[in-house]
C-alpha atoms as a PDB file:
ATOM      1  CA  MET A   1     -21.997  -5.192 -14.134  1.00  0.00           C
ATOM      2  CA  ASP A   2     -18.886  -3.333 -15.556  1.00  0.00           C
ATOM      3  CA  VAL A   3     -18.015  -0.278 -13.766  1.00  0.00           C
ATOM      4  CA  VAL A   4     -19.031   3.566 -15.498  1.00  0.00           C
ATOM      5  CA  ARG A   5     -15.939   5.586 -15.221  1.00  0.00           C
ATOM      6  CA  ILE A   6     -16.614   9.417 -15.647  1.00  0.00           C
ATOM      7  CA  ALA A   7     -13.896  11.702 -17.002  1.00  0.00           C
ATOM      8  CA  PHE A   8     -14.928  14.982 -15.488  1.00  0.00           C
ATOM      9  CA  TYR A   9     -13.022  18.049 -16.610  1.00  0.00           C
ATOM     10  CA  GLY A  10     -13.611  21.682 -15.106  1.00  0.00           C
ATOM     11  CA  GLY A  11     -11.519  24.342 -15.974  1.00  0.00           C
ATOM     12  CA  SER A  12     -11.567  28.117 -16.804  1.00  0.00           C
ATOM     13  CA  PHE A  13     -10.517  27.667 -20.375  1.00  0.00           C
ATOM     14  CA  ASN A  14      -9.825  31.592 -20.773  1.00  0.00           C
ATOM     15  CA  PRO A  15      -8.956  31.102 -23.582  1.00  0.00           C
ATOM     16  CA  PRO A  16      -9.569  27.460 -24.444  1.00  0.00           C
ATOM     17  CA  SER A  17      -6.592  26.292 -26.230  1.00  0.00           C
ATOM     18  CA  MET A  18      -5.249  23.465 -28.312  1.00  0.00           C
ATOM     19  CA  ALA A  19      -4.176  21.525 -25.391  1.00  0.00           C
ATOM     20  CA  HIS A  20      -7.561  21.570 -24.179  1.00  0.00           C
ATOM     21  CA  GLN A  21      -8.735  20.724 -27.045  1.00  0.00           C
ATOM     22  CA  ALA A  22      -6.489  17.388 -27.475  1.00  0.00           C
ATOM     23  CA  ILE A  23      -7.310  16.684 -23.864  1.00  0.00           C
ATOM     24  CA  ILE A  24     -11.076  16.479 -24.802  1.00  0.00           C
ATOM     25  CA  GLU A  25     -10.158  14.366 -28.147  1.00  0.00           C
ATOM     26  CA  TYR A  26      -8.036  12.110 -25.926  1.00  0.00           C
ATOM     27  CA  LEU A  27     -10.330  11.155 -23.225  1.00  0.00           C
ATOM     28  CA  LEU A  28     -13.046  10.664 -26.251  1.00  0.00           C
ATOM     29  CA  GLU A  29     -10.882   8.101 -27.755  1.00  0.00           C
ATOM     30  CA  ASP A  30      -9.361   6.627 -24.364  1.00  0.00           C
ATOM     31  CA  GLN A  31     -11.540   3.106 -23.672  1.00  0.00           C
ATOM     32  CA  PHE A  32     -11.109   3.929 -20.281  1.00  0.00           C
ATOM     33  CA  PHE A  33     -13.820   6.363 -19.952  1.00  0.00           C
ATOM     34  CA  GLN A  34     -17.375   5.912 -20.904  1.00  0.00           C
ATOM     35  CA  ARG A  35     -18.633   9.575 -20.696  1.00  0.00           C
ATOM     36  CA  VAL A  36     -16.823  12.816 -20.523  1.00  0.00           C
ATOM     37  CA  ILE A  37     -18.188  15.877 -18.750  1.00  0.00           C
ATOM     38  CA  VAL A  38     -16.521  18.969 -19.470  1.00  0.00           C
ATOM     39  CA  LYS A  39     -17.642  21.977 -17.254  1.00  0.00           C
ATOM     40  CA  PRO A  40     -16.396  25.440 -17.316  1.00  0.00           C
ATOM     41  CA  CYS A  41     -16.122  27.120 -14.048  1.00  0.00           C
ATOM     42  CA  GLY A  42     -17.882  30.260 -12.896  1.00  0.00           C
ATOM     43  CA  MET A  43     -16.960  33.454 -11.654  1.00  0.00           C
ATOM     44  CA  ARG A  44     -13.862  33.371  -9.380  1.00  0.00           C
ATOM     45  CA  ASN A  45     -12.548  36.108  -7.242  1.00  0.00           C
ATOM     46  CA  ASP A  46      -8.760  35.530  -7.959  1.00  0.00           C
ATOM     47  CA  LYS A  47      -9.847  35.644 -12.141  1.00  0.00           C
ATOM     48  CA  ALA A  48     -11.726  38.765 -12.687  1.00  0.00           C
ATOM     49  CA  ALA A  49     -11.138  38.148 -16.048  1.00  0.00           C
ATOM     50  CA  LEU A  50     -13.449  35.428 -16.218  1.00  0.00           C
ATOM     51  CA  ASN A  51     -16.566  37.342 -15.069  1.00  0.00           C
ATOM     52  CA  HIS A  52     -16.679  39.863 -17.819  1.00  0.00           C
ATOM     53  CA  ASN A  53     -18.072  38.508 -20.774  1.00  0.00           C
ATOM     54  CA  VAL A  54     -19.436  34.969 -19.738  1.00  0.00           C
ATOM     55  CA  MET A  55     -21.271  34.840 -23.226  1.00  0.00           C
ATOM     56  CA  LEU A  56     -18.103  35.714 -25.529  1.00  0.00           C
ATOM     57  CA  ARG A  57     -16.397  32.796 -23.278  1.00  0.00           C
ATOM     58  CA  ARG A  58     -19.372  30.307 -23.388  1.00  0.00           C
ATOM     59  CA  ASN A  59     -19.157  30.311 -27.630  1.00  0.00           C
ATOM     60  CA  LEU A  60     -15.284  30.241 -27.709  1.00  0.00           C
ATOM     61  CA  ILE A  61     -15.472  27.003 -25.531  1.00  0.00           C
ATOM     62  CA  ARG A  62     -18.245  25.762 -27.704  1.00  0.00           C
ATOM     63  CA  SER A  63     -16.596  26.692 -31.199  1.00  0.00           C
ATOM     64  CA  LYS A  64     -13.446  24.775 -29.604  1.00  0.00           C
ATOM     65  CA  PHE A  65     -14.932  21.849 -27.757  1.00  0.00           C
ATOM     66  CA  GLY A  66     -18.412  21.253 -29.621  1.00  0.00           C
ATOM     67  CA  PHE A  67     -17.695  17.590 -30.400  1.00  0.00           C
ATOM     68  CA  SER A  68     -20.774  15.717 -31.326  1.00  0.00           C
ATOM     69  CA  ASP A  69     -20.450  12.534 -29.554  1.00  0.00           C
ATOM     70  CA  PRO A  70     -22.834  10.501 -26.921  1.00  0.00           C
ATOM     71  CA  HIS A  71     -20.320  10.149 -24.671  1.00  0.00           C
ATOM     72  CA  TYR A  72     -19.350  13.915 -24.310  1.00  0.00           C
ATOM     73  CA  GLN A  73     -21.396  16.569 -22.054  1.00  0.00           C
ATOM     74  CA  LEU A  74     -20.459  20.224 -22.380  1.00  0.00           C
ATOM     75  CA  ASP A  75     -22.229  21.175 -19.331  1.00  0.00           C
ATOM     76  CA  PHE A  76     -21.779  25.177 -19.122  1.00  0.00           C
ATOM     77  CA  SER A  77     -24.542  24.919 -15.515  1.00  0.00           C
ATOM     78  CA  GLY A  78     -22.844  27.224 -13.150  1.00  0.00           C
ATOM     79  CA  MET A  79     -21.120  29.604 -15.148  1.00  0.00           C
ATOM     80  CA  GLU A  80     -23.108  32.770 -14.082  1.00  0.00           C
ATOM     81  CA  GLN A  81     -22.767  31.505 -10.886  1.00  0.00           C
ATOM     82  CA  PRO A  82     -19.857  32.048  -8.580  1.00  0.00           C
ATOM     83  CA  MET A  83     -17.902  28.885  -9.109  1.00  0.00           C
ATOM     84  CA  LEU A  84     -18.344  25.652  -7.200  1.00  0.00           C
ATOM     85  CA  ALA A  85     -15.061  24.124  -5.057  1.00  0.00           C
ATOM     86  CA  THR A  86     -13.767  21.403  -6.930  1.00  0.00           C
ATOM     87  CA  TRP A  87     -14.942  19.182  -3.756  1.00  0.00           C
ATOM     88  CA  GLU A  88     -18.683  20.345  -4.327  1.00  0.00           C
ATOM     89  CA  GLU A  89     -18.935  19.438  -8.037  1.00  0.00           C
ATOM     90  CA  TRP A  90     -16.770  16.395  -7.431  1.00  0.00           C
ATOM     91  CA  LYS A  91     -19.475  15.528  -4.684  1.00  0.00           C
ATOM     92  CA  LEU A  92     -22.578  17.088  -6.313  1.00  0.00           C
ATOM     93  CA  LEU A  93     -21.218  14.193  -9.426  1.00  0.00           C
ATOM     94  CA  LYS A  94     -20.367  11.434  -6.773  1.00  0.00           C
ATOM     95  CA  GLN A  95     -24.507  11.751  -6.115  1.00  0.00           C
ATOM     96  CA  ALA A  96     -25.827  12.245  -9.355  1.00  0.00           C
ATOM     97  CA  HIS A  97     -24.078   9.398 -10.712  1.00  0.00           C
ATOM     98  CA  PRO A  98     -24.060   6.550  -7.914  1.00  0.00           C
ATOM     99  CA  GLY A  99     -21.881   3.516  -8.552  1.00  0.00           C
ATOM    100  CA  HIS A 100     -19.917   5.256 -10.949  1.00  0.00           C
ATOM    101  CA  GLU A 101     -16.344   6.260 -10.896  1.00  0.00           C
ATOM    102  CA  ILE A 102     -15.505  10.040 -11.163  1.00  0.00           C
ATOM    103  CA  TRP A 103     -12.328  10.828 -12.465  1.00  0.00           C
ATOM    104  CA  LEU A 104     -10.853  14.451 -12.053  1.00  0.00           C
ATOM    105  CA  VAL A 105      -8.727  15.050 -15.287  1.00  0.00           C
ATOM    106  CA  CYS A 106      -6.074  17.752 -14.538  1.00  0.00           C
ATOM    107  CA  GLY A 107      -1.979  18.142 -15.808  1.00  0.00           C
ATOM    108  CA  MET A 108       0.933  17.584 -13.531  1.00  0.00           C
ATOM    109  CA  ASP A 109       1.369  20.964 -12.940  1.00  0.00           C
ATOM    110  CA  LEU A 110      -1.871  20.827 -10.073  1.00  0.00           C
ATOM    111  CA  PHE A 111       0.623  18.109  -8.463  1.00  0.00           C
ATOM    112  CA  GLU A 112       3.912  20.788  -8.415  1.00  0.00           C
ATOM    113  CA  LYS A 113       5.080  20.747  -4.724  1.00  0.00           C
ATOM    114  CA  ARG A 114       4.965  24.564  -3.469  1.00  0.00           C
ATOM    115  CA  ASP A 115       7.436  26.022  -0.745  1.00  0.00           C
ATOM    116  CA  ASP A 116       5.434  23.859   2.160  1.00  0.00           C
ATOM    117  CA  GLY A 117       6.561  20.451  -0.023  1.00  0.00           C
ATOM    118  CA  THR A 118       2.606  20.372  -0.522  1.00  0.00           C
ATOM    119  CA  SER A 119       1.215  20.437  -3.823  1.00  0.00           C
ATOM    120  CA  GLN A 120      -1.261  23.448  -5.113  1.00  0.00           C
ATOM    121  CA  ILE A 121      -4.453  20.908  -4.842  1.00  0.00           C
ATOM    122  CA  ARG A 122      -3.842  20.438  -1.105  1.00  0.00           C
ATOM    123  CA  HIS A 123      -4.501  23.990  -0.617  1.00  0.00           C
ATOM    124  CA  TRP A 124      -8.118  24.303  -2.393  1.00  0.00           C
ATOM    125  CA  ILE A 125     -11.083  24.359  -0.412  1.00  0.00           C
ATOM    126  CA  GLU A 126     -11.322  20.962   0.799  1.00  0.00           C
ATOM    127  CA  GLY A 127      -8.052  20.144  -0.894  1.00  0.00           C
ATOM    128  CA  GLU A 128      -6.631  17.929   1.867  1.00  0.00           C
ATOM    129  CA  ARG A 129      -9.605  15.485   1.282  1.00  0.00           C
ATOM    130  CA  LEU A 130     -10.005  15.789  -2.277  1.00  0.00           C
ATOM    131  CA  PHE A 131      -6.500  15.227  -2.356  1.00  0.00           C
ATOM    132  CA  LEU A 132      -7.011  11.147  -0.755  1.00  0.00           C
ATOM    133  CA  GLU A 133     -10.369  10.539  -1.820  1.00  0.00           C
ATOM    134  CA  ALA A 134     -10.734  11.793  -5.263  1.00  0.00           C
ATOM    135  CA  SER A 135      -9.543   9.700  -8.326  1.00  0.00           C
ATOM    136  CA  PHE A 136      -6.912  12.134 -10.356  1.00  0.00           C
ATOM    137  CA  TYR A 137      -6.307  11.186 -14.032  1.00  0.00           C
ATOM    138  CA  VAL A 138      -3.026  13.252 -14.961  1.00  0.00           C
ATOM    139  CA  PHE A 139      -2.039  14.693 -18.082  1.00  0.00           C
ATOM    140  CA  PRO A 140       1.652  15.466 -18.144  1.00  0.00           C
ATOM    141  CA  ARG A 141       2.802  18.799 -18.040  1.00  0.00           C
ATOM    142  CA  LYS A 142       6.641  20.341 -17.072  1.00  0.00           C
ATOM    143  CA  ILE A 143       7.275  20.919 -13.194  1.00  0.00           C
ATOM    144  CA  ARG A 144       9.861  21.913 -11.376  1.00  0.00           C
ATOM    145  CA  GLY A 145      11.162  19.078  -8.843  1.00  0.00           C
ATOM    146  CA  GLU A 146       9.307  16.012  -7.705  1.00  0.00           C
ATOM    147  CA  PRO A 147       5.602  16.140  -7.692  1.00  0.00           C
ATOM    148  CA  ASP A 148       3.327  15.584  -4.635  1.00  0.00           C
ATOM    149  CA  LEU A 149       1.277  13.001  -5.987  1.00  0.00           C
ATOM    150  CA  PRO A 150      -2.347  11.809  -4.797  1.00  0.00           C
ATOM    151  CA  PRO A 151      -2.747   7.984  -4.086  1.00  0.00           C
ATOM    152  CA  HIS A 152      -4.946   7.863  -6.675  1.00  0.00           C
ATOM    153  CA  LEU A 153      -3.808   8.612 -10.443  1.00  0.00           C
ATOM    154  CA  ARG A 154      -3.490   7.249 -13.353  1.00  0.00           C
ATOM    155  CA  TRP A 155      -1.667   8.997 -16.047  1.00  0.00           C
ATOM    156  CA  ALA A 156      -2.794   9.787 -19.533  1.00  0.00           C
ATOM    157  CA  GLU A 157      -0.281   7.346 -21.578  1.00  0.00           C
ATOM    158  CA  ASN A 158       1.101   8.371 -24.682  1.00  0.00           C
ATOM    159  CA  PHE A 159      -0.115  11.966 -24.475  1.00  0.00           C
ATOM    160  CA  LYS A 160       2.192  14.280 -26.021  1.00  0.00           C
ATOM    161  CA  GLU A 161       2.110  17.423 -24.495  1.00  0.00           C
ATOM    162  CA  ILE A 162       1.247  20.375 -26.711  1.00  0.00           C
ATOM    163  CA  ASP A 163       3.687  23.095 -24.149  1.00  0.00           C
ATOM    164  CA  ILE A 164       0.760  26.270 -24.293  1.00  0.00           C
ATOM    165  CA  SER A 165      -1.364  26.975 -21.691  1.00  0.00           C
ATOM    166  CA  SER A 166      -4.184  29.791 -21.359  1.00  0.00           C
ATOM    167  CA  THR A 167      -1.821  31.685 -18.847  1.00  0.00           C
ATOM    168  CA  GLN A 168       0.214  32.114 -21.760  1.00  0.00           C
ATOM    169  CA  LEU A 169      -2.081  32.568 -24.524  1.00  0.00           C
ATOM    170  CA  ARG A 170      -3.273  35.797 -22.157  1.00  0.00           C
ATOM    171  CA  GLU A 171       0.134  36.889 -21.888  1.00  0.00           C
ATOM    172  CA  ARG A 172       0.930  36.823 -25.635  1.00  0.00           C
ATOM    173  CA  CYS A 173      -1.911  38.215 -27.064  1.00  0.00           C
ATOM    174  CA  SER A 174      -1.074  41.414 -24.195  1.00  0.00           C
ATOM    175  CA  ARG A 175       2.564  41.746 -25.371  1.00  0.00           C
ATOM    176  CA  SER A 176       1.368  41.818 -28.829  1.00  0.00           C
ATOM    177  CA  ILE A 177      -1.589  44.590 -27.706  1.00  0.00           C
ATOM    178  CA  HIS A 178       0.958  46.496 -25.866  1.00  0.00           C
ATOM    179  CA  SER A 179       4.035  46.461 -28.353  1.00  0.00           C
END
């Protein structure tokens, strides 16, 4: 029996962007994965704006990412709870899908080296273990310098980067409100 590969794309999606949507569309069309799970994160202390209107964020995400595909799951569980660390999400997925490969979907920016020479992801909760043990499906993003790459990764080939992030969208909105 062939191995089943599951793409897990977690994020704050605040707001959901064209780049997020393009990544999900790419994952659904990519024959490498048999299943795609998209899961908005729960409440975070470092991103207070996520915690104010969960229903609005859920509706925005549903309207942007509400694809109708039998291999696709938009998972809103846990949005009203404190966010689970990616390590915990990964372990839960592995338990729920024994024998399947779980691939964490992310942008190249997570592997940009910090001042200490290691990537941001290594500083997450159980980040070093996640970095070494998980499989990553990586989408292009501009970074400065050489990346700190994990041992198990696959590149999203022929994906045309959309140079916009949720942070940039929020900053643009804030500037237009205050000008």
